[in-house]
Amino acid sequence: MSDRKKPLVSVIIPTFNREKLLLRTLDSLEKQDFGSRRFEVLVVDDGSDNDYSDVVVKEYPFQFKFLKQENQGACAARNLGAQQSEADVLVFVDDDVKLVPESISAMYELIVENERAIVTGNSIHPRDEYYIGTFAYIAQLEKAKFYRDIEVDFKWCWSGLLAVKRWDFLKLGMFKDPTGPFTKWEDVYFGYRATLQGYRIIKSQRAKAEHWDCSQINLKVACESLNQKSRSAVLLFHRYPEMKRHLSFYFYFFPIEWFNDSLPTIFRKSLRSILSVHPVLKFFEFLTKVVGMFNVPLWILRYLYRWTAWGYVYNGFREGIQRYGPVYYSDSMR
């Protein structure tokens, strides 16, 4: 009979064609101060092209399982990992993050101390010269900073570093992406459903992960990601109108409602529309490149990046309206 003890935590990592990044993630798990014998790691390959040979043959100090599935998206991969897990606490980790040593212990402590709670961590800027650049620096400045454990709105749920009791996760119906398997709304939607069931979302100040996301270092990639997510946001709002009030970032991208909007709102929506037409947007992109070549104050570049990104958000939102039909902010108030 095996004398192997049941782990306290199951760390679940979905992956797709990111072997090198995944090895960095696993290396950070080896350095956790939680104790390697107290947790297991389940990597779920979502139909990658490579065989992850370097990952599979490596020896780890923790219990390790490598699972495979056909390409269905990270949402399904996380659910498979949860179903195959053994611990009472699940910690979901992305394959492009590097955890600080106290992340697992910090999340575990909050989960066991709080009933009906979900704990989410913080995304921080990678400490690597590849990520050193003006856009990457400003992108980090745009993130909200948390200096203590605090209860937050469900929109702060981040599946890149998220902890939940296994029983609660199964009871809540696991992850479900309301707009399709590749549109990245599953964590916000999970937090939304949990909140409706009386769960609290707690942001852990000590649980941090360097996020090696290319959309954080390159304006073009960031804009493409925002454009895609904004298209699917229209479908999200069609299915769950009440979520519009919580995702207020999109307020000025909704169509003008002449009998409901105030004059300032009509003005800002009209201005957003004008600034997002293709020639104007391309001019902002060109201006951003030119200005970035000179030693200008960061606040100037910060606003240029914002205006460019907002243009892609607006156009993605309008593309979503063309695809899924009109959506109005006032529908959430009825």
C-alpha atoms as a PDB file:
ATOM      1  CA  MET A   1       0.000   0.000   0.000  1.00  0.00           C
ATOM      2  CA  SER A   2       1.322   3.427  -0.910  1.00  0.00           C
ATOM      3  CA  ASP A   3       2.236   5.743   1.968  1.00  0.00           C
ATOM      4  CA  ARG A   4       1.750   8.809  -0.240  1.00  0.00           C
ATOM      5  CA  LYS A   5      -0.274  11.438   1.558  1.00  0.00           C
ATOM      6  CA  LYS A   6      -3.176  13.252  -0.028  1.00  0.00           C
ATOM      7  CA  PRO A   7      -1.992  16.720  -1.153  1.00  0.00           C
ATOM      8  CA  LEU A   8      -3.443  19.850   0.425  1.00  0.00           C
ATOM      9  CA  VAL A   9      -3.434  21.796  -2.848  1.00  0.00           C
ATOM     10  CA  SER A  10      -3.852  20.829  -6.484  1.00  0.00           C
ATOM     11  CA  VAL A  11      -2.181  23.288  -8.864  1.00  0.00           C
ATOM     12  CA  ILE A  12      -3.825  23.121 -12.296  1.00  0.00           C
ATOM     13  CA  ILE A  13      -2.071  24.524 -15.380  1.00  0.00           C
ATOM     14  CA  PRO A  14      -3.652  24.501 -18.860  1.00  0.00           C
ATOM     15  CA  THR A  15      -1.118  24.783 -21.681  1.00  0.00           C
ATOM     16  CA  PHE A  16      -0.993  25.088 -25.449  1.00  0.00           C
ATOM     17  CA  ASN A  17       2.285  25.177 -27.410  1.00  0.00           C
ATOM     18  CA  ARG A  18       4.179  26.942 -24.622  1.00  0.00           C
ATOM     19  CA  GLU A  19       6.714  24.385 -23.435  1.00  0.00           C
ATOM     20  CA  LYS A  20       9.475  26.885 -22.610  1.00  0.00           C
ATOM     21  CA  LEU A  21       7.152  29.242 -20.743  1.00  0.00           C
ATOM     22  CA  LEU A  22       5.607  26.294 -18.901  1.00  0.00           C
ATOM     23  CA  LEU A  23       9.045  25.154 -17.715  1.00  0.00           C
ATOM     24  CA  ARG A  24       9.532  28.609 -16.180  1.00  0.00           C
ATOM     25  CA  THR A  25       6.170  28.294 -14.415  1.00  0.00           C
ATOM     26  CA  LEU A  26       7.050  24.841 -13.078  1.00  0.00           C
ATOM     27  CA  ASP A  27      10.436  26.115 -11.922  1.00  0.00           C
ATOM     28  CA  SER A  28       8.690  28.815  -9.857  1.00  0.00           C
ATOM     29  CA  LEU A  29       6.473  26.129  -8.308  1.00  0.00           C
ATOM     30  CA  GLU A  30       9.574  24.211  -7.237  1.00  0.00           C
ATOM     31  CA  LYS A  31      10.632  27.303  -5.266  1.00  0.00           C
ATOM     32  CA  GLN A  32       7.366  27.746  -3.360  1.00  0.00           C
ATOM     33  CA  ASP A  33       7.691  28.046   0.423  1.00  0.00           C
ATOM     34  CA  PHE A  34       4.498  25.987   0.884  1.00  0.00           C
ATOM     35  CA  GLY A  35       6.409  22.697   0.854  1.00  0.00           C
ATOM     36  CA  SER A  36       6.631  20.578  -2.277  1.00  0.00           C
ATOM     37  CA  ARG A  37       5.184  17.472  -0.599  1.00  0.00           C
ATOM     38  CA  ARG A  38       2.007  19.356   0.291  1.00  0.00           C
ATOM     39  CA  PHE A  39       0.799  20.013  -3.251  1.00  0.00           C
ATOM     40  CA  GLU A  40       0.409  18.287  -6.589  1.00  0.00           C
ATOM     41  CA  VAL A  41       0.667  19.819 -10.063  1.00  0.00           C
ATOM     42  CA  LEU A  42      -1.577  18.827 -12.960  1.00  0.00           C
ATOM     43  CA  VAL A  43      -0.586  20.113 -16.415  1.00  0.00           C
ATOM     44  CA  VAL A  44      -3.328  19.755 -19.049  1.00  0.00           C
ATOM     45  CA  ASP A  45      -2.144  19.912 -22.666  1.00  0.00           C
ATOM     46  CA  ASP A  46      -4.957  21.402 -24.775  1.00  0.00           C
ATOM     47  CA  GLY A  47      -4.080  19.650 -28.031  1.00  0.00           C
ATOM     48  CA  SER A  48      -0.627  21.166 -28.585  1.00  0.00           C
ATOM     49  CA  ASP A  49       1.461  20.411 -31.668  1.00  0.00           C
ATOM     50  CA  ASN A  50       4.582  19.497 -29.662  1.00  0.00           C
ATOM     51  CA  ASP A  51       4.977  16.606 -27.244  1.00  0.00           C
ATOM     52  CA  TYR A  52       6.274  18.552 -24.198  1.00  0.00           C
ATOM     53  CA  SER A  53       9.082  16.007 -23.853  1.00  0.00           C
ATOM     54  CA  ASP A  54      11.252  18.323 -21.715  1.00  0.00           C
ATOM     55  CA  VAL A  55       8.337  18.789 -19.318  1.00  0.00           C
ATOM     56  CA  VAL A  56       7.348  15.144 -19.078  1.00  0.00           C
ATOM     57  CA  VAL A  57      10.837  13.674 -18.495  1.00  0.00           C
ATOM     58  CA  LYS A  58      11.857  16.198 -15.843  1.00  0.00           C
ATOM     59  CA  GLU A  59      11.834  15.136 -12.187  1.00  0.00           C
ATOM     60  CA  TYR A  60       9.913  17.357  -9.771  1.00  0.00           C
ATOM     61  CA  PRO A  61       9.876  17.545  -5.975  1.00  0.00           C
ATOM     62  CA  PHE A  62       6.059  17.639  -6.023  1.00  0.00           C
ATOM     63  CA  GLN A  63       3.549  15.102  -7.329  1.00  0.00           C
ATOM     64  CA  PHE A  64       3.169  15.670 -11.064  1.00  0.00           C
ATOM     65  CA  LYS A  65       0.545  14.604 -13.595  1.00  0.00           C
ATOM     66  CA  PHE A  66       0.508  15.363 -17.330  1.00  0.00           C
ATOM     67  CA  LEU A  67      -2.894  15.118 -19.010  1.00  0.00           C
ATOM     68  CA  LYS A  68      -3.884  15.580 -22.644  1.00  0.00           C
ATOM     69  CA  GLN A  69      -7.111  16.541 -24.373  1.00  0.00           C
ATOM     70  CA  GLU A  70      -8.210  17.599 -27.849  1.00  0.00           C
ATOM     71  CA  ASN A  71      -8.053  21.353 -28.458  1.00  0.00           C
ATOM     72  CA  GLN A  72     -11.081  22.762 -26.629  1.00  0.00           C
ATOM     73  CA  GLY A  73      -9.650  25.873 -24.981  1.00  0.00           C
ATOM     74  CA  ALA A  74      -8.144  26.660 -21.585  1.00  0.00           C
ATOM     75  CA  CYS A  75     -11.553  26.626 -19.909  1.00  0.00           C
ATOM     76  CA  ALA A  76     -12.113  22.923 -20.665  1.00  0.00           C
ATOM     77  CA  ALA A  77      -8.488  22.140 -19.768  1.00  0.00           C
ATOM     78  CA  ARG A  78      -8.880  23.702 -16.317  1.00  0.00           C
ATOM     79  CA  ASN A  79     -12.062  21.721 -15.728  1.00  0.00           C
ATOM     80  CA  LEU A  80     -10.366  18.443 -16.703  1.00  0.00           C
ATOM     81  CA  GLY A  81      -7.536  19.175 -14.296  1.00  0.00           C
ATOM     82  CA  ALA A  82     -10.001  19.888 -11.494  1.00  0.00           C
ATOM     83  CA  GLN A  83     -11.851  16.638 -12.147  1.00  0.00           C
ATOM     84  CA  GLN A  84      -8.595  14.670 -11.963  1.00  0.00           C
ATOM     85  CA  SER A  85      -7.286  16.491  -8.883  1.00  0.00           C
ATOM     86  CA  GLU A  86      -7.004  15.001  -5.396  1.00  0.00           C
ATOM     87  CA  ALA A  87      -6.719  17.998  -3.035  1.00  0.00           C
ATOM     88  CA  ASP A  88      -9.507  19.926  -1.325  1.00  0.00           C
ATOM     89  CA  VAL A  89      -8.071  23.268  -2.515  1.00  0.00           C
ATOM     90  CA  LEU A  90      -7.535  24.080  -6.181  1.00  0.00           C
ATOM     91  CA  VAL A  91      -5.103  26.724  -7.432  1.00  0.00           C
ATOM     92  CA  PHE A  92      -5.382  27.586 -11.115  1.00  0.00           C
ATOM     93  CA  VAL A  93      -2.207  28.923 -12.719  1.00  0.00           C
ATOM     94  CA  ASP A  94      -1.558  30.035 -16.316  1.00  0.00           C
ATOM     95  CA  ASP A  95       1.353  28.587 -18.268  1.00  0.00           C
ATOM     96  CA  ASP A  96       2.889  32.029 -18.889  1.00  0.00           C
ATOM     97  CA  VAL A  97       3.327  33.170 -15.290  1.00  0.00           C
ATOM     98  CA  LYS A  98       6.175  32.964 -12.778  1.00  0.00           C
ATOM     99  CA  LEU A  99       4.967  32.826  -9.180  1.00  0.00           C
ATOM    100  CA  VAL A 100       6.727  34.516  -6.279  1.00  0.00           C
ATOM    101  CA  PRO A 101       7.712  31.961  -3.586  1.00  0.00           C
ATOM    102  CA  GLU A 102       4.895  32.771  -1.162  1.00  0.00           C
ATOM    103  CA  SER A 103       2.007  32.698  -3.648  1.00  0.00           C
ATOM    104  CA  ILE A 104       0.625  29.214  -2.922  1.00  0.00           C
ATOM    105  CA  SER A 105       0.902  29.549   0.872  1.00  0.00           C
ATOM    106  CA  ALA A 106      -0.736  33.009   0.823  1.00  0.00           C
ATOM    107  CA  MET A 107      -3.698  31.778  -1.216  1.00  0.00           C
ATOM    108  CA  TYR A 108      -4.072  28.593   0.810  1.00  0.00           C
ATOM    109  CA  GLU A 109      -4.194  30.519   4.092  1.00  0.00           C
ATOM    110  CA  LEU A 110      -6.934  32.825   2.827  1.00  0.00           C
ATOM    111  CA  ILE A 111      -8.990  29.964   1.416  1.00  0.00           C
ATOM    112  CA  VAL A 112      -8.978  27.886   4.607  1.00  0.00           C
ATOM    113  CA  GLU A 113      -9.638  30.932   6.805  1.00  0.00           C
ATOM    114  CA  ASN A 114     -12.647  32.159   4.813  1.00  0.00           C
ATOM    115  CA  GLU A 115     -15.881  30.341   4.061  1.00  0.00           C
ATOM    116  CA  ARG A 116     -17.519  30.776   0.652  1.00  0.00           C
ATOM    117  CA  ALA A 117     -14.554  32.635  -0.777  1.00  0.00           C
ATOM    118  CA  ILE A 118     -12.534  32.718  -3.979  1.00  0.00           C
ATOM    119  CA  VAL A 119      -8.975  34.065  -3.813  1.00  0.00           C
ATOM    120  CA  THR A 120      -7.310  35.738  -6.773  1.00  0.00           C
ATOM    121  CA  GLY A 121      -3.717  36.900  -7.136  1.00  0.00           C
ATOM    122  CA  ASN A 122      -1.881  39.844  -8.706  1.00  0.00           C
ATOM    123  CA  SER A 123      -0.269  40.106 -12.118  1.00  0.00           C
ATOM    124  CA  ILE A 124       3.090  41.886 -11.935  1.00  0.00           C
ATOM    125  CA  HIS A 125       5.615  43.024 -14.523  1.00  0.00           C
ATOM    126  CA  PRO A 126       8.266  40.422 -15.519  1.00  0.00           C
ATOM    127  CA  ARG A 127      11.796  41.185 -14.417  1.00  0.00           C
ATOM    128  CA  ASP A 128      13.439  40.531 -17.768  1.00  0.00           C
ATOM    129  CA  GLU A 129      15.154  42.771 -20.317  1.00  0.00           C
ATOM    130  CA  TYR A 130      12.830  41.443 -23.065  1.00  0.00           C
ATOM    131  CA  TYR A 131       9.988  43.130 -21.215  1.00  0.00           C
ATOM    132  CA  ILE A 132      11.787  46.394 -20.595  1.00  0.00           C
ATOM    133  CA  GLY A 133      10.272  49.068 -22.822  1.00  0.00           C
ATOM    134  CA  THR A 134       8.131  52.174 -22.672  1.00  0.00           C
ATOM    135  CA  PHE A 135       4.874  50.436 -23.554  1.00  0.00           C
ATOM    136  CA  ALA A 136       5.515  47.600 -21.093  1.00  0.00           C
ATOM    137  CA  TYR A 137       6.327  50.100 -18.346  1.00  0.00           C
ATOM    138  CA  ILE A 138       3.206  52.164 -18.985  1.00  0.00           C
ATOM    139  CA  ALA A 139       1.048  49.029 -19.227  1.00  0.00           C
ATOM    140  CA  GLN A 140       2.205  48.123 -15.724  1.00  0.00           C
ATOM    141  CA  LEU A 141       1.360  51.631 -14.472  1.00  0.00           C
ATOM    142  CA  GLU A 142      -2.202  51.191 -15.747  1.00  0.00           C
ATOM    143  CA  LYS A 143      -2.805  48.240 -13.426  1.00  0.00           C
ATOM    144  CA  ALA A 144      -4.512  48.780 -10.087  1.00  0.00           C
ATOM    145  CA  LYS A 145      -2.186  48.234  -7.128  1.00  0.00           C
ATOM    146  CA  PHE A 146      -3.265  46.329  -4.013  1.00  0.00           C
ATOM    147  CA  TYR A 147      -1.276  46.721  -0.810  1.00  0.00           C
ATOM    148  CA  ARG A 148      -3.365  44.481   1.456  1.00  0.00           C
ATOM    149  CA  ASP A 149      -5.812  41.601   1.198  1.00  0.00           C
ATOM    150  CA  ILE A 150      -9.121  43.116   0.150  1.00  0.00           C
ATOM    151  CA  GLU A 151     -12.557  42.016  -1.012  1.00  0.00           C
ATOM    152  CA  VAL A 152     -13.080  43.031  -4.650  1.00  0.00           C
ATOM    153  CA  ASP A 153     -15.710  42.975  -7.374  1.00  0.00           C
ATOM    154  CA  PHE A 154     -16.000  39.807  -9.485  1.00  0.00           C
ATOM    155  CA  LYS A 155     -14.421  41.528 -12.499  1.00  0.00           C
ATOM    156  CA  TRP A 156     -11.043  41.203 -10.720  1.00  0.00           C
ATOM    157  CA  CYS A 157     -11.193  37.402 -10.932  1.00  0.00           C
ATOM    158  CA  TRP A 158      -8.092  36.234 -12.797  1.00  0.00           C
ATOM    159  CA  SER A 159      -7.746  32.580 -13.744  1.00  0.00           C
ATOM    160  CA  GLY A 160      -4.005  33.110 -14.173  1.00  0.00           C
ATOM    161  CA  LEU A 161      -3.705  32.793 -10.386  1.00  0.00           C
ATOM    162  CA  LEU A 162      -6.908  31.798  -8.627  1.00  0.00           C
ATOM    163  CA  ALA A 163      -7.729  29.570  -5.649  1.00  0.00           C
ATOM    164  CA  VAL A 164     -11.021  27.945  -4.670  1.00  0.00           C
ATOM    165  CA  LYS A 165     -12.116  24.958  -2.589  1.00  0.00           C
ATOM    166  CA  ARG A 166     -12.635  21.942  -4.833  1.00  0.00           C
ATOM    167  CA  TRP A 167     -16.154  21.311  -3.554  1.00  0.00           C
ATOM    168  CA  ASP A 168     -17.137  24.934  -4.145  1.00  0.00           C
ATOM    169  CA  PHE A 169     -15.688  24.831  -7.662  1.00  0.00           C
ATOM    170  CA  LEU A 170     -17.712  21.752  -8.587  1.00  0.00           C
ATOM    171  CA  LYS A 171     -20.832  23.142  -6.905  1.00  0.00           C
ATOM    172  CA  LEU A 172     -20.561  26.349  -8.951  1.00  0.00           C
ATOM    173  CA  GLY A 173     -20.445  24.330 -12.167  1.00  0.00           C
ATOM    174  CA  MET A 174     -16.714  24.778 -12.856  1.00  0.00           C
ATOM    175  CA  PHE A 175     -15.483  27.209 -15.539  1.00  0.00           C
ATOM    176  CA  LYS A 176     -17.825  28.120 -18.380  1.00  0.00           C
ATOM    177  CA  ASP A 177     -17.016  30.634 -21.078  1.00  0.00           C
ATOM    178  CA  PRO A 178     -20.270  32.398 -21.991  1.00  0.00           C
ATOM    179  CA  THR A 179     -19.007  33.633 -25.364  1.00  0.00           C
ATOM    180  CA  GLY A 180     -17.014  30.697 -26.769  1.00  0.00           C
ATOM    181  CA  PRO A 181     -13.965  28.595 -25.844  1.00  0.00           C
ATOM    182  CA  PHE A 182     -11.263  31.070 -26.919  1.00  0.00           C
ATOM    183  CA  THR A 183     -12.499  34.521 -25.819  1.00  0.00           C
ATOM    184  CA  LYS A 184     -11.161  34.710 -22.240  1.00  0.00           C
ATOM    185  CA  TRP A 185     -14.279  35.666 -20.278  1.00  0.00           C
ATOM    186  CA  GLU A 186     -14.408  32.470 -18.193  1.00  0.00           C
ATOM    187  CA  ASP A 187     -12.782  33.897 -15.064  1.00  0.00           C
ATOM    188  CA  VAL A 188     -14.978  37.020 -14.909  1.00  0.00           C
ATOM    189  CA  TYR A 189     -18.050  34.900 -15.589  1.00  0.00           C
ATOM    190  CA  PHE A 190     -17.022  32.414 -12.891  1.00  0.00           C
ATOM    191  CA  GLY A 191     -16.631  35.256 -10.399  1.00  0.00           C
ATOM    192  CA  TYR A 192     -20.011  36.655 -11.441  1.00  0.00           C
ATOM    193  CA  ARG A 193     -21.784  33.326 -10.886  1.00  0.00           C
ATOM    194  CA  ALA A 194     -19.995  32.865  -7.570  1.00  0.00           C
ATOM    195  CA  THR A 195     -21.062  36.324  -6.385  1.00  0.00           C
ATOM    196  CA  LEU A 196     -24.683  35.513  -7.200  1.00  0.00           C
ATOM    197  CA  GLN A 197     -24.328  32.456  -4.951  1.00  0.00           C
ATOM    198  CA  GLY A 198     -23.051  34.551  -2.038  1.00  0.00           C
ATOM    199  CA  TYR A 199     -19.304  33.983  -2.458  1.00  0.00           C
ATOM    200  CA  ARG A 200     -16.743  36.708  -1.811  1.00  0.00           C
ATOM    201  CA  ILE A 201     -13.819  37.497  -4.109  1.00  0.00           C
ATOM    202  CA  ILE A 202     -10.648  38.214  -2.111  1.00  0.00           C
ATOM    203  CA  LYS A 203      -7.579  39.753  -3.703  1.00  0.00           C
ATOM    204  CA  SER A 204      -4.406  38.430  -2.045  1.00  0.00           C
ATOM    205  CA  GLN A 205      -1.699  41.051  -1.733  1.00  0.00           C
ATOM    206  CA  ARG A 206       1.075  38.443  -1.260  1.00  0.00           C
ATOM    207  CA  ALA A 207       0.083  36.117  -4.114  1.00  0.00           C
ATOM    208  CA  LYS A 208       1.862  37.544  -7.143  1.00  0.00           C
ATOM    209  CA  ALA A 209       2.898  36.237 -10.544  1.00  0.00           C
ATOM    210  CA  GLU A 210       5.035  37.716 -13.284  1.00  0.00           C
ATOM    211  CA  HIS A 211       2.753  37.564 -16.312  1.00  0.00           C
ATOM    212  CA  TRP A 212       4.640  36.820 -19.537  1.00  0.00           C
ATOM    213  CA  ASP A 213       1.793  37.992 -21.753  1.00  0.00           C
ATOM    214  CA  CYS A 214       2.895  39.486 -25.101  1.00  0.00           C
ATOM    215  CA  SER A 215      -0.046  41.907 -25.036  1.00  0.00           C
ATOM    216  CA  GLN A 216       1.740  43.688 -22.178  1.00  0.00           C
ATOM    217  CA  ILE A 217       4.901  44.489 -24.131  1.00  0.00           C
ATOM    218  CA  ASN A 218       3.644  45.348 -27.604  1.00  0.00           C
ATOM    219  CA  LEU A 219       0.994  47.945 -28.498  1.00  0.00           C
ATOM    220  CA  LYS A 220      -0.070  46.110 -31.656  1.00  0.00           C
ATOM    221  CA  VAL A 221      -0.594  42.783 -29.865  1.00  0.00           C
ATOM    222  CA  ALA A 222      -2.380  44.545 -27.012  1.00  0.00           C
ATOM    223  CA  CYS A 223      -4.761  46.262 -29.426  1.00  0.00           C
ATOM    224  CA  GLU A 224      -5.512  43.009 -31.271  1.00  0.00           C
ATOM    225  CA  SER A 225      -6.305  41.299 -27.963  1.00  0.00           C
ATOM    226  CA  LEU A 226      -8.573  44.148 -26.834  1.00  0.00           C
ATOM    227  CA  ASN A 227     -10.321  44.163 -30.202  1.00  0.00           C
ATOM    228  CA  GLN A 228     -11.098  40.441 -29.980  1.00  0.00           C
ATOM    229  CA  LYS A 229     -12.290  40.642 -26.390  1.00  0.00           C
ATOM    230  CA  SER A 230     -14.517  43.639 -27.161  1.00  0.00           C
ATOM    231  CA  ARG A 231     -16.228  41.767 -29.993  1.00  0.00           C
ATOM    232  CA  SER A 232     -17.121  38.943 -27.645  1.00  0.00           C
ATOM    233  CA  ALA A 233     -18.201  41.441 -24.951  1.00  0.00           C
ATOM    234  CA  VAL A 234     -21.243  42.273 -27.089  1.00  0.00           C
ATOM    235  CA  LEU A 235     -22.328  38.636 -26.974  1.00  0.00           C
ATOM    236  CA  LEU A 236     -21.668  38.608 -23.231  1.00  0.00           C
ATOM    237  CA  PHE A 237     -23.950  41.632 -22.729  1.00  0.00           C
ATOM    238  CA  HIS A 238     -26.655  40.118 -24.918  1.00  0.00           C
ATOM    239  CA  ARG A 239     -26.760  37.027 -22.728  1.00  0.00           C
ATOM    240  CA  TYR A 240     -26.217  38.770 -19.384  1.00  0.00           C
ATOM    241  CA  PRO A 241     -27.412  42.412 -19.633  1.00  0.00           C
ATOM    242  CA  GLU A 242     -26.875  43.002 -15.912  1.00  0.00           C
ATOM    243  CA  MET A 243     -23.100  42.633 -16.334  1.00  0.00           C
ATOM    244  CA  LYS A 244     -22.925  45.961 -18.204  1.00  0.00           C
ATOM    245  CA  ARG A 245     -23.173  47.839 -14.911  1.00  0.00           C
ATOM    246  CA  HIS A 246     -20.105  46.046 -13.577  1.00  0.00           C
ATOM    247  CA  LEU A 247     -17.916  46.276 -16.705  1.00  0.00           C
ATOM    248  CA  SER A 248     -18.182  50.061 -16.854  1.00  0.00           C
ATOM    249  CA  PHE A 249     -15.072  50.316 -19.064  1.00  0.00           C
ATOM    250  CA  TYR A 250     -17.391  49.791 -22.051  1.00  0.00           C
ATOM    251  CA  PHE A 251     -19.915  52.514 -21.147  1.00  0.00           C
ATOM    252  CA  TYR A 252     -18.874  55.040 -23.807  1.00  0.00           C
ATOM    253  CA  PHE A 253     -18.689  52.384 -26.519  1.00  0.00           C
ATOM    254  CA  PHE A 254     -22.411  51.652 -26.472  1.00  0.00           C
ATOM    255  CA  PRO A 255     -24.553  53.273 -29.195  1.00  0.00           C
ATOM    256  CA  ILE A 256     -26.000  56.712 -28.424  1.00  0.00           C
ATOM    257  CA  GLU A 257     -29.425  56.605 -26.786  1.00  0.00           C
ATOM    258  CA  TRP A 258     -30.850  60.013 -27.615  1.00  0.00           C
ATOM    259  CA  PHE A 259     -33.665  59.873 -25.058  1.00  0.00           C
ATOM    260  CA  ASN A 260     -31.625  58.359 -22.224  1.00  0.00           C
ATOM    261  CA  ASP A 261     -28.089  59.747 -22.521  1.00  0.00           C
ATOM    262  CA  SER A 262     -27.091  63.107 -21.084  1.00  0.00           C
ATOM    263  CA  LEU A 263     -25.544  65.748 -23.342  1.00  0.00           C
ATOM    264  CA  PRO A 264     -22.015  65.114 -21.945  1.00  0.00           C
ATOM    265  CA  THR A 265     -22.475  61.382 -22.597  1.00  0.00           C
ATOM    266  CA  ILE A 266     -23.660  61.989 -26.158  1.00  0.00           C
ATOM    267  CA  PHE A 267     -20.648  64.237 -26.726  1.00  0.00           C
ATOM    268  CA  ARG A 268     -18.155  61.678 -25.395  1.00  0.00           C
ATOM    269  CA  LYS A 269     -19.716  58.823 -27.373  1.00  0.00           C
ATOM    270  CA  SER A 270     -19.632  60.943 -30.539  1.00  0.00           C
ATOM    271  CA  LEU A 271     -16.009  61.920 -29.909  1.00  0.00           C
ATOM    272  CA  ARG A 272     -15.068  58.284 -29.336  1.00  0.00           C
ATOM    273  CA  SER A 273     -16.683  57.375 -32.653  1.00  0.00           C
ATOM    274  CA  ILE A 274     -14.770  60.108 -34.512  1.00  0.00           C
ATOM    275  CA  LEU A 275     -11.435  59.184 -32.929  1.00  0.00           C
ATOM    276  CA  SER A 276     -11.922  55.529 -33.885  1.00  0.00           C
ATOM    277  CA  VAL A 277     -12.462  55.879 -37.633  1.00  0.00           C
ATOM    278  CA  HIS A 278      -9.723  54.136 -39.576  1.00  0.00           C
ATOM    279  CA  PRO A 279      -7.750  57.195 -40.843  1.00  0.00           C
ATOM    280  CA  VAL A 280      -7.722  58.837 -37.406  1.00  0.00           C
ATOM    281  CA  LEU A 281      -6.733  55.607 -35.679  1.00  0.00           C
ATOM    282  CA  LYS A 282      -3.867  55.045 -38.097  1.00  0.00           C
ATOM    283  CA  PHE A 283      -2.721  58.618 -37.510  1.00  0.00           C
ATOM    284  CA  PHE A 284      -2.604  57.976 -33.739  1.00  0.00           C
ATOM    285  CA  GLU A 285      -0.571  54.807 -34.331  1.00  0.00           C
ATOM    286  CA  PHE A 286       1.854  56.715 -36.545  1.00  0.00           C
ATOM    287  CA  LEU A 287       2.066  59.574 -34.038  1.00  0.00           C
ATOM    288  CA  THR A 288       2.743  57.116 -31.228  1.00  0.00           C
ATOM    289  CA  LYS A 289       5.688  55.619 -33.128  1.00  0.00           C
ATOM    290  CA  VAL A 290       7.145  59.029 -33.971  1.00  0.00           C
ATOM    291  CA  VAL A 291       6.741  60.477 -30.465  1.00  0.00           C
ATOM    292  CA  GLY A 292       8.188  57.282 -28.976  1.00  0.00           C
ATOM    293  CA  MET A 293      11.468  57.981 -30.765  1.00  0.00           C
ATOM    294  CA  PHE A 294      12.040  61.088 -28.679  1.00  0.00           C
ATOM    295  CA  ASN A 295      12.569  61.707 -24.992  1.00  0.00           C
ATOM    296  CA  VAL A 296       9.075  62.971 -24.198  1.00  0.00           C
ATOM    297  CA  PRO A 297       7.247  62.921 -20.839  1.00  0.00           C
ATOM    298  CA  LEU A 298       5.657  59.549 -20.129  1.00  0.00           C
ATOM    299  CA  TRP A 299       2.207  61.073 -19.637  1.00  0.00           C
ATOM    300  CA  ILE A 300       2.137  62.042 -23.329  1.00  0.00           C
ATOM    301  CA  LEU A 301       2.851  58.481 -24.468  1.00  0.00           C
ATOM    302  CA  ARG A 302       0.443  57.180 -21.862  1.00  0.00           C
ATOM    303  CA  TYR A 303      -2.430  59.150 -23.389  1.00  0.00           C
ATOM    304  CA  LEU A 304      -1.426  58.229 -26.945  1.00  0.00           C
ATOM    305  CA  TYR A 305      -1.388  54.535 -26.005  1.00  0.00           C
ATOM    306  CA  ARG A 306      -4.785  54.891 -24.345  1.00  0.00           C
ATOM    307  CA  TRP A 307      -6.385  56.676 -27.304  1.00  0.00           C
ATOM    308  CA  THR A 308      -5.034  54.069 -29.716  1.00  0.00           C
ATOM    309  CA  ALA A 309      -6.162  51.154 -27.551  1.00  0.00           C
ATOM    310  CA  TRP A 310      -9.606  52.693 -27.030  1.00  0.00           C
ATOM    311  CA  GLY A 311      -9.973  52.952 -30.803  1.00  0.00           C
ATOM    312  CA  TYR A 312      -9.440  49.208 -31.152  1.00  0.00           C
ATOM    313  CA  VAL A 313     -11.833  48.522 -28.277  1.00  0.00           C
ATOM    314  CA  TYR A 314     -14.485  50.704 -29.936  1.00  0.00           C
ATOM    315  CA  ASN A 315     -14.068  49.079 -33.340  1.00  0.00           C
ATOM    316  CA  GLY A 316     -14.130  45.600 -31.814  1.00  0.00           C
ATOM    317  CA  PHE A 317     -17.304  46.483 -29.941  1.00  0.00           C
ATOM    318  CA  ARG A 318     -18.927  47.793 -33.142  1.00  0.00           C
ATOM    319  CA  GLU A 319     -17.863  44.654 -35.017  1.00  0.00           C
ATOM    320  CA  GLY A 320     -19.551  42.657 -32.270  1.00  0.00           C
ATOM    321  CA  ILE A 321     -22.752  44.678 -32.719  1.00  0.00           C
ATOM    322  CA  GLN A 322     -22.703  43.973 -36.453  1.00  0.00           C
ATOM    323  CA  ARG A 323     -22.223  40.270 -35.773  1.00  0.00           C
ATOM    324  CA  TYR A 324     -24.556  39.745 -32.807  1.00  0.00           C
ATOM    325  CA  GLY A 325     -26.993  42.654 -33.058  1.00  0.00           C
ATOM    326  CA  PRO A 326     -27.432  46.025 -31.255  1.00  0.00           C
ATOM    327  CA  VAL A 327     -26.923  46.205 -27.510  1.00  0.00           C
ATOM    328  CA  TYR A 328     -27.808  49.183 -25.313  1.00  0.00           C
ATOM    329  CA  TYR A 329     -26.580  50.122 -21.869  1.00  0.00           C
ATOM    330  CA  SER A 330     -30.066  51.054 -20.647  1.00  0.00           C
ATOM    331  CA  ASP A 331     -31.190  47.434 -21.103  1.00  0.00           C
ATOM    332  CA  SER A 332     -29.279  46.577 -17.933  1.00  0.00           C
ATOM    333  CA  MET A 333     -31.378  49.037 -15.921  1.00  0.00           C
ATOM    334  CA  ARG A 334     -34.775  47.589 -16.870  1.00  0.00           C
END
